[in-house]
Amino acid sequence: MMQLPQTSNSTGLAVTVLGLLLLITALVIKKKG
C-alpha cells in the first residue's frame, strides 16, 4: 500500500477509494461490452 501523509490522510483515502471505484466500474463495463 502507498504511504499517505498524516495531514491529508482522510483526503488521500477518499481519493484512493474513488480511484478504485472508477477502476472497478471501467472493468465491469469492459466485461459487459
PDB file of N, CA and C in Angstrom:
ATOM      1  N   MET A   1       0.839  -1.211   0.000  1.00  0.00           N
ATOM      2  CA  MET A   1       0.000   0.000   0.000  1.00  0.00           C
ATOM      3  C   MET A   1       0.865   1.249   0.000  1.00  0.00           C
ATOM      4  N   MET A   2       0.324   2.310  -0.558  1.00  0.00           N
ATOM      5  CA  MET A   2       1.059   3.568  -0.605  1.00  0.00           C
ATOM      6  C   MET A   2       0.968   4.281   0.739  1.00  0.00           C
ATOM      7  N   GLN A   3       2.080   4.885   1.150  1.00  0.00           N
ATOM      8  CA  GLN A   3       2.091   5.644   2.400  1.00  0.00           C
ATOM      9  C   GLN A   3       1.556   7.045   2.148  1.00  0.00           C
ATOM     10  N   LEU A   4       0.533   7.441   2.921  1.00  0.00           N
ATOM     11  CA  LEU A   4      -0.054   8.767   2.758  1.00  0.00           C
ATOM     12  C   LEU A   4       0.360   9.665   3.908  1.00  0.00           C
ATOM     13  N   PRO A   5       0.610  10.944   3.609  1.00  0.00           N
ATOM     14  CA  PRO A   5       0.941  11.906   4.671  1.00  0.00           C
ATOM     15  C   PRO A   5      -0.180  11.986   5.695  1.00  0.00           C
ATOM     16  N   GLN A   6       0.183  12.143   6.965  1.00  0.00           N
ATOM     17  CA  GLN A   6      -0.822  12.184   8.031  1.00  0.00           C
ATOM     18  C   GLN A   6      -1.755  13.376   7.866  1.00  0.00           C
ATOM     19  N   THR A   7      -1.243  14.481   7.304  1.00  0.00           N
ATOM     20  CA  THR A   7      -2.053  15.697   7.192  1.00  0.00           C
ATOM     21  C   THR A   7      -3.207  15.493   6.220  1.00  0.00           C
ATOM     22  N   SER A   8      -2.977  14.755   5.152  1.00  0.00           N
ATOM     23  CA  SER A   8      -4.025  14.566   4.142  1.00  0.00           C
ATOM     24  C   SER A   8      -4.450  13.101   4.107  1.00  0.00           C
ATOM     25  N   ASN A   9      -4.513  12.485   5.280  1.00  0.00           N
ATOM     26  CA  ASN A   9      -4.834  11.061   5.353  1.00  0.00           C
ATOM     27  C   ASN A   9      -6.249  10.807   4.862  1.00  0.00           C
ATOM     28  N   SER A  10      -7.213  11.563   5.387  1.00  0.00           N
ATOM     29  CA  SER A  10      -8.612  11.352   5.005  1.00  0.00           C
ATOM     30  C   SER A  10      -8.822  11.692   3.535  1.00  0.00           C
ATOM     31  N   THR A  11      -8.203  12.779   3.073  1.00  0.00           N
ATOM     32  CA  THR A  11      -8.354  13.177   1.670  1.00  0.00           C
ATOM     33  C   THR A  11      -7.729  12.127   0.757  1.00  0.00           C
ATOM     34  N   GLY A  12      -6.550  11.672   1.103  1.00  0.00           N
ATOM     35  CA  GLY A  12      -5.877  10.653   0.299  1.00  0.00           C
ATOM     36  C   GLY A  12      -6.682   9.369   0.259  1.00  0.00           C
ATOM     37  N   LEU A  13      -7.280   9.011   1.391  1.00  0.00           N
ATOM     38  CA  LEU A  13      -8.095   7.799   1.451  1.00  0.00           C
ATOM     39  C   LEU A  13      -9.312   7.929   0.554  1.00  0.00           C
ATOM     40  N   ALA A  14      -9.958   9.101   0.586  1.00  0.00           N
ATOM     41  CA  ALA A  14     -11.138   9.326  -0.251  1.00  0.00           C
ATOM     42  C   ALA A  14     -10.762   9.232  -1.725  1.00  0.00           C
ATOM     43  N   VAL A  15      -9.628   9.835  -2.091  1.00  0.00           N
ATOM     44  CA  VAL A  15      -9.184   9.799  -3.491  1.00  0.00           C
ATOM     45  C   VAL A  15      -8.875   8.364  -3.908  1.00  0.00           C
ATOM     46  N   THR A  16      -8.253   7.602  -3.008  1.00  0.00           N
ATOM     47  CA  THR A  16      -7.919   6.210  -3.324  1.00  0.00           C
ATOM     48  C   THR A  16      -9.180   5.383  -3.542  1.00  0.00           C
ATOM     49  N   VAL A  17     -10.172   5.573  -2.668  1.00  0.00           N
ATOM     50  CA  VAL A  17     -11.431   4.827  -2.794  1.00  0.00           C
ATOM     51  C   VAL A  17     -12.130   5.192  -4.094  1.00  0.00           C
ATOM     52  N   LEU A  18     -12.159   6.492  -4.423  1.00  0.00           N
ATOM     53  CA  LEU A  18     -12.804   6.925  -5.667  1.00  0.00           C
ATOM     54  C   LEU A  18     -12.079   6.327  -6.869  1.00  0.00           C
ATOM     55  N   GLY A  19     -10.767   6.305  -6.821  1.00  0.00           N
ATOM     56  CA  GLY A  19      -9.981   5.740  -7.918  1.00  0.00           C
ATOM     57  C   GLY A  19     -10.279   4.259  -8.103  1.00  0.00           C
ATOM     58  N   LEU A  20     -10.380   3.529  -6.988  1.00  0.00           N
ATOM     59  CA  LEU A  20     -10.687   2.106  -7.076  1.00  0.00           C
ATOM     60  C   LEU A  20     -12.083   1.879  -7.642  1.00  0.00           C
ATOM     61  N   LEU A  21     -13.036   2.701  -7.223  1.00  0.00           N
ATOM     62  CA  LEU A  21     -14.407   2.571  -7.737  1.00  0.00           C
ATOM     63  C   LEU A  21     -14.429   2.813  -9.242  1.00  0.00           C
ATOM     64  N   LEU A  22     -13.697   3.829  -9.691  1.00  0.00           N
ATOM     65  CA  LEU A  22     -13.659   4.121 -11.128  1.00  0.00           C
ATOM     66  C   LEU A  22     -13.019   2.967 -11.885  1.00  0.00           C
ATOM     67  N   LEU A  23     -11.952   2.394 -11.325  1.00  0.00           N
ATOM     68  CA  LEU A  23     -11.261   1.286 -11.982  1.00  0.00           C
ATOM     69  C   LEU A  23     -12.173   0.070 -12.079  1.00  0.00           C
ATOM     70  N   ILE A  24     -12.858  -0.261 -10.977  1.00  0.00           N
ATOM     71  CA  ILE A  24     -13.768  -1.414 -10.978  1.00  0.00           C
ATOM     72  C   ILE A  24     -14.909  -1.190 -11.964  1.00  0.00           C
ATOM     73  N   THR A  25     -15.461   0.021 -11.981  1.00  0.00           N
ATOM     74  CA  THR A  25     -16.549   0.335 -12.909  1.00  0.00           C
ATOM     75  C   THR A  25     -16.089   0.165 -14.350  1.00  0.00           C
ATOM     76  N   ALA A  26     -14.886   0.645 -14.648  1.00  0.00           N
ATOM     77  CA  ALA A  26     -14.358   0.526 -16.008  1.00  0.00           C
ATOM     78  C   ALA A  26     -14.194  -0.942 -16.387  1.00  0.00           C
ATOM     79  N   LEU A  27     -13.704  -1.763 -15.453  1.00  0.00           N
ATOM     80  CA  LEU A  27     -13.522  -3.185 -15.746  1.00  0.00           C
ATOM     81  C   LEU A  27     -14.862  -3.872 -15.978  1.00  0.00           C
ATOM     82  N   VAL A  28     -15.871  -3.531 -15.182  1.00  0.00           N
ATOM     83  CA  VAL A  28     -17.197  -4.142 -15.334  1.00  0.00           C
ATOM     84  C   VAL A  28     -17.795  -3.755 -16.680  1.00  0.00           C
ATOM     85  N   ILE A  29     -17.672  -2.484 -17.044  1.00  0.00           N
ATOM     86  CA  ILE A  29     -18.212  -2.027 -18.334  1.00  0.00           C
ATOM     87  C   ILE A  29     -17.489  -2.744 -19.474  1.00  0.00           C
ATOM     88  N   LYS A  30     -16.173  -2.923 -19.315  1.00  0.00           N
ATOM     89  CA  LYS A  30     -15.395  -3.581 -20.363  1.00  0.00           C
ATOM     90  C   LYS A  30     -15.841  -5.033 -20.514  1.00  0.00           C
ATOM     91  N   LYS A  31     -16.134  -5.692 -19.386  1.00  0.00           N
ATOM     92  CA  LYS A  31     -16.574  -7.087 -19.448  1.00  0.00           C
ATOM     93  C   LYS A  31     -17.959  -7.188 -20.068  1.00  0.00           C
ATOM     94  N   LYS A  32     -18.861  -6.277 -19.709  1.00  0.00           N
ATOM     95  CA  LYS A  32     -20.219  -6.309 -20.262  1.00  0.00           C
ATOM     96  C   LYS A  32     -20.191  -6.013 -21.749  1.00  0.00           C
ATOM     97  N   GLY A  33     -19.322  -5.083 -22.145  1.00  0.00           N
ATOM     98  CA  GLY A  33     -19.228  -4.710 -23.555  1.00  0.00           C
ATOM     99  C   GLY A  33     -18.523  -5.792 -24.267  1.00  0.00           C
TER     100      GLY A  33
END
